[in-house]
Amino acid sequence: MTERVDGTGTTVAPPPPRVGSGGGRPGRRPKPRSRARRPSLRARLHRDWQLLLMTVPAIGLLALFHYAPTLGNVIAFQNYNPWDGVTGSPWVGFAQFERLFGDPRFWRAVGNTLVIAGVQLLFFFPIPIALAILLDSVLSPRLRLLMQSIVYMPHFFSWVLVVTLFQQILGGAGLFSQWLRQNGYAPLEIMTDPDAFLFVVTSQMIWKDAGWGTIIFLAALAAINPNLYESAAVDGAGRWRRMWHITLPGLRPVIILLLILKLGDILNVGFEQFFLQRDAFGSRVSEVLDTYIYHQTLVTGNFSAGAVAGLVKGLVGLVLILVANKVAHKMGENGIYRRS
């Protein structure tokens, strides 16, 4: 193509030709690249056999102690007798479920479990988050290490020791009651008062496991880019605004993940802690699903009723995890899993 001259006498260069064959003719669209072909199963096994071999012990333990015992849930549909075994016990269909759902002690245990789980979710779950933020703000490494050691230590105490310590402090003959007697006041029977049960078990849970729960949140805080804090400080953001706009959004995926797992485990509030204090506070307020299953199976010998209660608890937990994970997806988070 030749140059042309406009009305002012200025030489105008021709427009560049379009990319493609034929100079000015429009070219064809480039073909999209085809995806790399996925290796076959045999090729992947040959490539990763060392890694797969390393997982064999873990898979064996999981199958032996988790999946194999799950097969024992068939006794929930039987009138199970240990002497006759699974093959010799008669099948009763859903009769054990009807008997369980008609037992008022079961519904009382369910109600106590939900109330305790709700109180722990409201008062216990936020404490590790606040404690992790507090520990992360400590500038001295030695002071931070000392505080972490102090708050981690109670996690390694058994529930027997934890309950004993609270009994020695808040019991009828404990330090607090002795101090009240010395000052002319009537002692308080906190460790045997049914109205104080929720306060006692929640306090025990916070004292024992709040420090241990900060480990995951401290790891999440370490993954936040420190340049964000520096930029926010330069722009005039104070400590609280940096925490609200940087720290908490950085912790949000971990908080949602742990909240989903907590909801799935909401009916499993614990066994040993409540079993040790059941007689002191009374079964009316301290009977939970785990202690109910224990008394139905090992005390009364009704193994089928205990299997039904455990199966119902597992199914409810599974449904809660699926629903909470779906809600997390609606909020834009990954949750515990996401379909590819």
Protein backbone atom coordinates (compact mmCIF):
# COMPACT_ATOMS: atom_id res chain seq x y z
CA MET A 1 0.00 0.00 0.00
CA THR A 2 1.30 3.47 -0.88
CA GLU A 3 1.35 6.59 1.23
CA ARG A 4 -1.28 9.24 0.63
CA VAL A 5 -1.28 13.01 1.06
CA ASP A 6 -4.11 14.75 2.92
CA GLY A 7 -5.51 18.21 2.14
CA THR A 8 -2.80 20.04 4.13
CA GLY A 9 0.02 18.38 2.24
CA THR A 10 1.01 16.07 5.10
CA THR A 11 1.99 12.57 4.19
CA VAL A 12 -0.19 9.98 6.00
CA ALA A 13 1.09 6.44 6.49
CA PRO A 14 -1.28 3.62 5.61
CA PRO A 15 -2.85 1.63 8.42
CA PRO A 16 -0.98 -1.54 9.39
CA PRO A 17 -2.31 -4.71 7.85
CA ARG A 18 -4.32 -7.08 10.04
CA VAL A 19 -2.55 -10.06 11.40
CA GLY A 20 -3.23 -13.14 9.34
CA SER A 21 -2.56 -14.60 5.97
CA GLY A 22 -3.22 -12.48 2.91
CA GLY A 23 -1.89 -9.09 4.08
CA GLY A 24 -5.00 -6.96 4.61
CA ARG A 25 -7.41 -9.86 4.80
CA PRO A 26 -8.60 -10.65 8.30
CA GLY A 27 -6.81 -13.64 9.73
CA ARG A 28 -8.36 -16.67 11.36
CA ARG A 29 -8.65 -16.96 15.13
CA PRO A 30 -5.89 -19.03 16.65
CA LYS A 31 -7.05 -22.42 17.79
CA PRO A 32 -7.27 -22.78 21.56
CA ARG A 33 -4.65 -24.95 23.10
CA SER A 34 -5.90 -28.39 23.97
CA ARG A 35 -5.64 -29.43 27.59
CA ALA A 36 -2.79 -31.68 28.53
CA ARG A 37 -3.91 -35.26 28.54
CA ARG A 38 -4.30 -36.64 32.04
CA PRO A 39 -2.00 -39.58 32.74
CA SER A 40 -3.65 -42.95 33.06
CA LEU A 41 -4.24 -44.58 36.43
CA ARG A 42 -1.45 -47.05 35.81
CA ALA A 43 0.99 -44.23 34.98
CA ARG A 44 0.02 -42.30 38.10
CA LEU A 45 0.44 -45.39 40.29
CA HIS A 46 3.86 -46.01 38.79
CA ARG A 47 4.81 -42.36 39.32
CA ASP A 48 3.58 -42.01 42.92
CA TRP A 49 4.07 -45.51 44.32
CA GLN A 50 6.53 -44.28 46.97
CA LEU A 51 4.03 -41.76 48.35
CA LEU A 52 1.23 -44.30 48.25
CA LEU A 53 3.38 -46.80 50.11
CA MET A 54 3.96 -44.24 52.87
CA THR A 55 0.19 -43.84 53.37
CA VAL A 56 -0.48 -47.57 53.78
CA PRO A 57 0.04 -47.61 57.60
CA ALA A 58 -2.26 -44.61 58.09
CA ILE A 59 -4.91 -46.11 55.81
CA GLY A 60 -4.63 -49.42 57.67
CA LEU A 61 -5.12 -47.76 61.07
CA LEU A 62 -8.05 -45.73 59.74
CA ALA A 63 -9.70 -48.81 58.29
CA LEU A 64 -9.09 -50.92 61.41
CA PHE A 65 -10.19 -48.46 64.08
CA HIS A 66 -12.75 -46.31 62.21
CA TYR A 67 -14.30 -47.97 59.20
CA ALA A 68 -14.40 -51.54 60.51
CA PRO A 69 -16.19 -50.58 63.79
CA THR A 70 -18.73 -48.64 61.71
CA LEU A 71 -20.03 -51.99 60.45
CA GLY A 72 -21.12 -52.71 64.00
CA ASN A 73 -23.97 -50.22 63.63
CA VAL A 74 -26.07 -53.09 62.29
CA ILE A 75 -26.93 -53.95 65.90
CA ALA A 76 -29.09 -50.82 65.92
CA PHE A 77 -31.58 -52.86 63.87
CA GLN A 78 -31.32 -55.93 66.10
CA ASN A 79 -32.21 -57.01 69.59
CA TYR A 80 -28.54 -57.56 70.18
CA ASN A 81 -27.29 -60.12 72.65
CA PRO A 82 -23.50 -60.35 73.16
CA TRP A 83 -23.74 -64.11 73.71
CA ASP A 84 -25.48 -64.68 70.37
CA GLY A 85 -23.40 -62.16 68.43
CA VAL A 86 -24.42 -60.22 65.35
CA THR A 87 -25.33 -63.29 63.33
CA GLY A 88 -27.43 -64.87 66.07
CA SER A 89 -29.32 -61.82 67.35
CA PRO A 90 -32.85 -61.33 65.96
CA TRP A 91 -33.61 -58.47 63.59
CA VAL A 92 -36.24 -55.99 64.83
CA GLY A 93 -36.11 -53.31 62.14
CA PHE A 94 -36.74 -49.81 63.49
CA ALA A 95 -38.15 -50.96 66.82
CA GLN A 96 -35.02 -49.76 68.65
CA PHE A 97 -35.42 -46.32 67.08
CA GLU A 98 -39.05 -46.12 68.23
CA ARG A 99 -38.04 -47.14 71.73
CA LEU A 100 -35.24 -44.56 71.81
CA PHE A 101 -37.39 -41.69 70.54
CA GLY A 102 -40.04 -42.58 73.11
CA ASP A 103 -37.57 -42.41 76.01
CA PRO A 104 -37.84 -39.05 77.86
CA ARG A 105 -34.30 -39.49 79.22
CA PHE A 106 -32.97 -39.42 75.65
CA TRP A 107 -34.67 -36.12 74.85
CA ARG A 108 -33.48 -34.67 78.15
CA ALA A 109 -29.92 -35.68 77.23
CA VAL A 110 -30.36 -34.11 73.78
CA GLY A 111 -31.64 -30.88 75.33
CA ASN A 112 -28.79 -30.70 77.82
CA THR A 113 -26.27 -31.39 75.05
CA LEU A 114 -27.64 -28.63 72.81
CA VAL A 115 -27.73 -26.09 75.66
CA ILE A 116 -24.15 -26.89 76.74
CA ALA A 117 -22.91 -26.84 73.13
CA GLY A 118 -24.63 -23.51 72.51
CA VAL A 119 -23.12 -21.93 75.64
CA GLN A 120 -19.66 -23.24 74.75
CA LEU A 121 -20.02 -22.00 71.16
CA LEU A 122 -21.05 -18.54 72.39
CA PHE A 123 -18.52 -18.10 75.19
CA PHE A 124 -15.68 -20.52 74.43
CA PHE A 125 -15.22 -20.24 70.65
CA PRO A 126 -14.31 -16.50 70.52
CA ILE A 127 -11.78 -16.70 73.38
CA PRO A 128 -8.97 -18.48 71.44
CA ILE A 129 -9.34 -15.87 68.67
CA ALA A 130 -8.99 -12.96 71.11
CA LEU A 131 -6.16 -14.72 72.94
CA ALA A 132 -4.26 -15.34 69.68
CA ILE A 133 -4.59 -11.67 68.68
CA LEU A 134 -3.36 -10.66 72.13
CA LEU A 135 -0.36 -12.99 71.99
CA ASP A 136 0.48 -11.87 68.46
CA SER A 137 0.58 -8.23 69.59
CA VAL A 138 3.21 -8.92 72.25
CA LEU A 139 6.48 -7.51 70.94
CA SER A 140 8.92 -9.26 73.27
CA PRO A 141 9.66 -12.82 72.04
CA ARG A 142 10.54 -14.02 75.57
CA LEU A 143 7.31 -12.64 77.04
CA ARG A 144 5.31 -14.16 74.20
CA LEU A 145 6.93 -17.57 74.73
CA LEU A 146 6.24 -17.37 78.47
CA MET A 147 2.58 -16.48 77.95
CA GLN A 148 2.13 -19.24 75.37
CA SER A 149 3.63 -21.82 77.73
CA ILE A 150 1.30 -20.72 80.53
CA VAL A 151 -1.88 -20.86 78.46
CA TYR A 152 -0.90 -24.12 76.71
CA MET A 153 -0.09 -26.06 79.87
CA PRO A 154 -3.65 -26.82 81.14
CA HIS A 155 -4.42 -28.69 77.91
CA PHE A 156 -2.09 -31.50 79.02
CA PHE A 157 -3.93 -31.97 82.34
CA SER A 158 -6.44 -34.80 82.50
CA TRP A 159 -10.07 -34.05 83.23
CA VAL A 160 -9.69 -35.84 86.56
CA LEU A 161 -7.08 -33.29 87.61
CA VAL A 162 -9.11 -30.35 86.26
CA VAL A 163 -12.27 -31.38 88.12
CA THR A 164 -10.23 -31.98 91.28
CA LEU A 165 -8.69 -28.50 91.11
CA PHE A 166 -12.10 -26.88 90.71
CA GLN A 167 -13.43 -29.00 93.58
CA GLN A 168 -10.58 -27.87 95.83
CA ILE A 169 -11.28 -24.23 94.98
CA LEU A 170 -15.08 -24.00 94.57
CA GLY A 171 -16.27 -27.05 96.51
CA GLY A 172 -17.97 -27.02 99.92
CA ALA A 173 -14.63 -27.56 101.64
CA GLY A 174 -12.63 -25.60 99.09
CA LEU A 175 -10.59 -22.47 99.46
CA PHE A 176 -13.41 -20.11 98.49
CA SER A 177 -15.85 -21.62 100.99
CA GLN A 178 -13.23 -21.55 103.74
CA TRP A 179 -12.59 -17.87 103.08
CA LEU A 180 -16.33 -17.19 103.34
CA ARG A 181 -16.53 -19.05 106.67
CA GLN A 182 -13.60 -17.13 108.08
CA ASN A 183 -15.32 -13.85 107.22
CA GLY A 184 -18.67 -14.86 108.70
CA TYR A 185 -20.50 -15.78 105.49
CA ALA A 186 -22.28 -18.99 104.58
CA PRO A 187 -20.23 -21.24 102.24
CA LEU A 188 -21.34 -21.77 98.65
CA GLU A 189 -21.82 -25.29 97.31
CA ILE A 190 -20.92 -24.37 93.73
CA MET A 191 -19.69 -27.82 92.73
CA THR A 192 -23.00 -29.44 93.70
CA ASP A 193 -25.44 -26.69 92.69
CA PRO A 194 -27.38 -27.69 89.53
CA ASP A 195 -27.97 -24.03 88.68
CA ALA A 196 -24.21 -23.43 88.53
CA PHE A 197 -23.48 -26.43 86.31
CA LEU A 198 -23.25 -24.50 83.03
CA PHE A 199 -20.96 -21.93 84.61
CA VAL A 200 -18.68 -24.62 86.05
CA VAL A 201 -18.31 -26.78 82.92
CA THR A 202 -17.81 -23.74 80.66
CA SER A 203 -15.17 -22.33 83.00
CA GLN A 204 -13.39 -25.69 83.04
CA MET A 205 -13.43 -25.87 79.25
CA ILE A 206 -12.08 -22.32 78.87
CA TRP A 207 -9.32 -22.84 81.42
CA LYS A 208 -8.23 -26.16 79.94
CA ASP A 209 -8.45 -25.73 76.16
CA ALA A 210 -8.65 -22.02 75.29
CA GLY A 211 -4.85 -21.69 75.14
CA TRP A 212 -4.47 -24.78 72.99
CA GLY A 213 -7.07 -23.45 70.55
CA THR A 214 -4.91 -20.41 69.82
CA ILE A 215 -2.31 -22.47 67.90
CA ILE A 216 -4.26 -22.51 64.64
CA PHE A 217 -5.16 -18.83 64.87
CA LEU A 218 -1.54 -17.87 65.59
CA ALA A 219 -0.50 -19.76 62.45
CA ALA A 220 -3.15 -17.89 60.46
CA LEU A 221 -1.94 -14.56 61.86
CA ALA A 222 1.62 -15.39 60.82
CA ALA A 223 0.41 -15.81 57.22
CA ILE A 224 -0.93 -12.24 57.01
CA ASN A 225 1.36 -9.93 55.04
CA PRO A 226 2.96 -7.45 57.51
CA ASN A 227 3.17 -4.85 54.74
CA LEU A 228 -0.59 -4.45 55.04
CA TYR A 229 -0.22 -3.27 58.64
CA GLU A 230 2.57 -0.87 57.67
CA SER A 231 0.55 0.61 54.82
CA ALA A 232 -2.50 1.01 57.05
CA ALA A 233 -0.40 2.70 59.75
CA VAL A 234 1.03 5.11 57.18
CA ASP A 235 -2.50 5.95 56.06
CA GLY A 236 -3.40 6.83 59.67
CA ALA A 237 -5.26 3.65 60.73
CA GLY A 238 -5.09 2.99 64.44
CA ARG A 239 -4.69 -0.33 66.22
CA TRP A 240 -8.40 -1.12 66.30
CA ARG A 241 -8.98 -0.23 62.64
CA ARG A 242 -6.02 -2.39 61.59
CA MET A 243 -7.42 -5.27 63.59
CA TRP A 244 -10.92 -4.80 62.13
CA HIS A 245 -9.89 -4.36 58.48
CA ILE A 246 -6.76 -6.57 58.28
CA THR A 247 -6.53 -9.07 61.14
CA LEU A 248 -10.12 -10.30 61.28
CA PRO A 249 -10.50 -10.61 57.47
CA GLY A 250 -7.24 -12.58 57.44
CA LEU A 251 -8.63 -14.93 60.10
CA ARG A 252 -12.03 -15.26 58.47
CA PRO A 253 -11.35 -18.44 56.40
CA VAL A 254 -9.91 -20.24 59.44
CA ILE A 255 -12.76 -19.08 61.68
CA ILE A 256 -15.38 -20.35 59.23
CA LEU A 257 -13.56 -23.66 58.79
CA LEU A 258 -13.34 -24.29 62.54
CA LEU A 259 -16.92 -23.15 63.02
CA ILE A 260 -18.12 -25.72 60.48
CA LEU A 261 -16.19 -28.47 62.25
CA LYS A 262 -17.57 -27.28 65.60
CA LEU A 263 -21.14 -27.41 64.31
CA GLY A 264 -20.59 -30.93 63.01
CA ASP A 265 -19.32 -31.92 66.46
CA ILE A 266 -22.00 -30.04 68.37
CA LEU A 267 -23.59 -33.19 69.83
CA ASN A 268 -20.21 -34.43 71.07
CA VAL A 269 -19.61 -32.11 74.01
CA GLY A 270 -17.43 -34.63 75.82
CA PHE A 271 -17.73 -37.64 78.06
CA GLU A 272 -15.13 -37.67 80.80
CA GLN A 273 -15.82 -34.14 82.05
CA PHE A 274 -19.55 -34.81 82.49
CA PHE A 275 -19.20 -38.38 83.68
CA LEU A 276 -16.96 -37.26 86.56
CA GLN A 277 -19.50 -34.65 87.73
CA ARG A 278 -22.77 -36.43 86.93
CA ASP A 279 -23.42 -37.65 90.46
CA ALA A 280 -22.44 -34.34 92.08
CA PHE A 281 -24.75 -32.14 89.99
CA GLY A 282 -27.43 -34.71 89.20
CA SER A 283 -28.39 -36.33 85.93
CA ARG A 284 -31.17 -33.79 85.34
CA VAL A 285 -28.67 -31.12 84.23
CA SER A 286 -25.49 -33.11 83.54
CA GLU A 287 -26.80 -36.00 81.44
CA VAL A 288 -25.53 -35.57 77.85
CA LEU A 289 -25.67 -37.90 74.88
CA ASP A 290 -22.27 -39.45 75.57
CA THR A 291 -23.10 -40.32 79.19
CA TYR A 292 -26.56 -41.51 78.12
CA ILE A 293 -25.01 -43.88 75.57
CA TYR A 294 -22.58 -45.13 78.23
CA HIS A 295 -25.35 -45.95 80.72
CA GLN A 296 -27.53 -47.53 78.03
CA THR A 297 -24.77 -49.85 76.84
CA LEU A 298 -22.35 -50.70 79.64
CA VAL A 299 -24.59 -50.17 82.68
CA THR A 300 -27.96 -51.55 81.54
CA GLY A 301 -26.54 -53.80 78.82
CA ASN A 302 -28.85 -52.50 76.08
CA PHE A 303 -26.20 -52.31 73.36
CA SER A 304 -28.74 -51.79 70.58
CA ALA A 305 -30.14 -48.64 72.22
CA GLY A 306 -26.63 -47.24 72.61
CA ALA A 307 -25.86 -48.00 68.96
CA VAL A 308 -29.05 -46.24 67.87
CA ALA A 309 -28.20 -43.13 69.91
CA GLY A 310 -24.66 -43.05 68.53
CA LEU A 311 -25.91 -43.53 64.98
CA VAL A 312 -28.44 -40.70 65.34
CA LYS A 313 -25.74 -38.44 66.78
CA GLY A 314 -23.41 -39.18 63.85
CA LEU A 315 -26.11 -38.58 61.23
CA VAL A 316 -27.12 -35.26 62.78
CA GLY A 317 -23.46 -34.18 62.84
CA LEU A 318 -23.05 -35.13 59.17
CA VAL A 319 -26.12 -33.10 58.16
CA LEU A 320 -24.92 -30.08 60.12
CA ILE A 321 -21.49 -30.23 58.45
CA LEU A 322 -23.03 -30.41 54.97
CA VAL A 323 -25.41 -27.51 55.66
CA ALA A 324 -22.71 -25.34 57.26
CA ASN A 325 -20.32 -26.08 54.39
CA LYS A 326 -23.00 -25.03 51.88
CA VAL A 327 -23.57 -21.79 53.79
CA ALA A 328 -19.81 -21.15 53.72
CA HIS A 329 -19.84 -21.53 49.93
CA LYS A 330 -22.65 -18.96 49.73
CA MET A 331 -20.46 -16.57 51.74
CA GLY A 332 -17.60 -17.01 49.26
CA GLU A 333 -15.44 -19.28 51.42
CA ASN A 334 -14.05 -22.70 50.56
CA GLY A 335 -15.33 -24.43 53.70
CA ILE A 336 -13.96 -27.89 54.41
CA TYR A 337 -14.32 -29.08 50.83
CA ARG A 338 -15.44 -27.82 47.44
CA ARG A 339 -16.28 -29.70 44.28
CA SER A 340 -13.72 -29.12 41.54
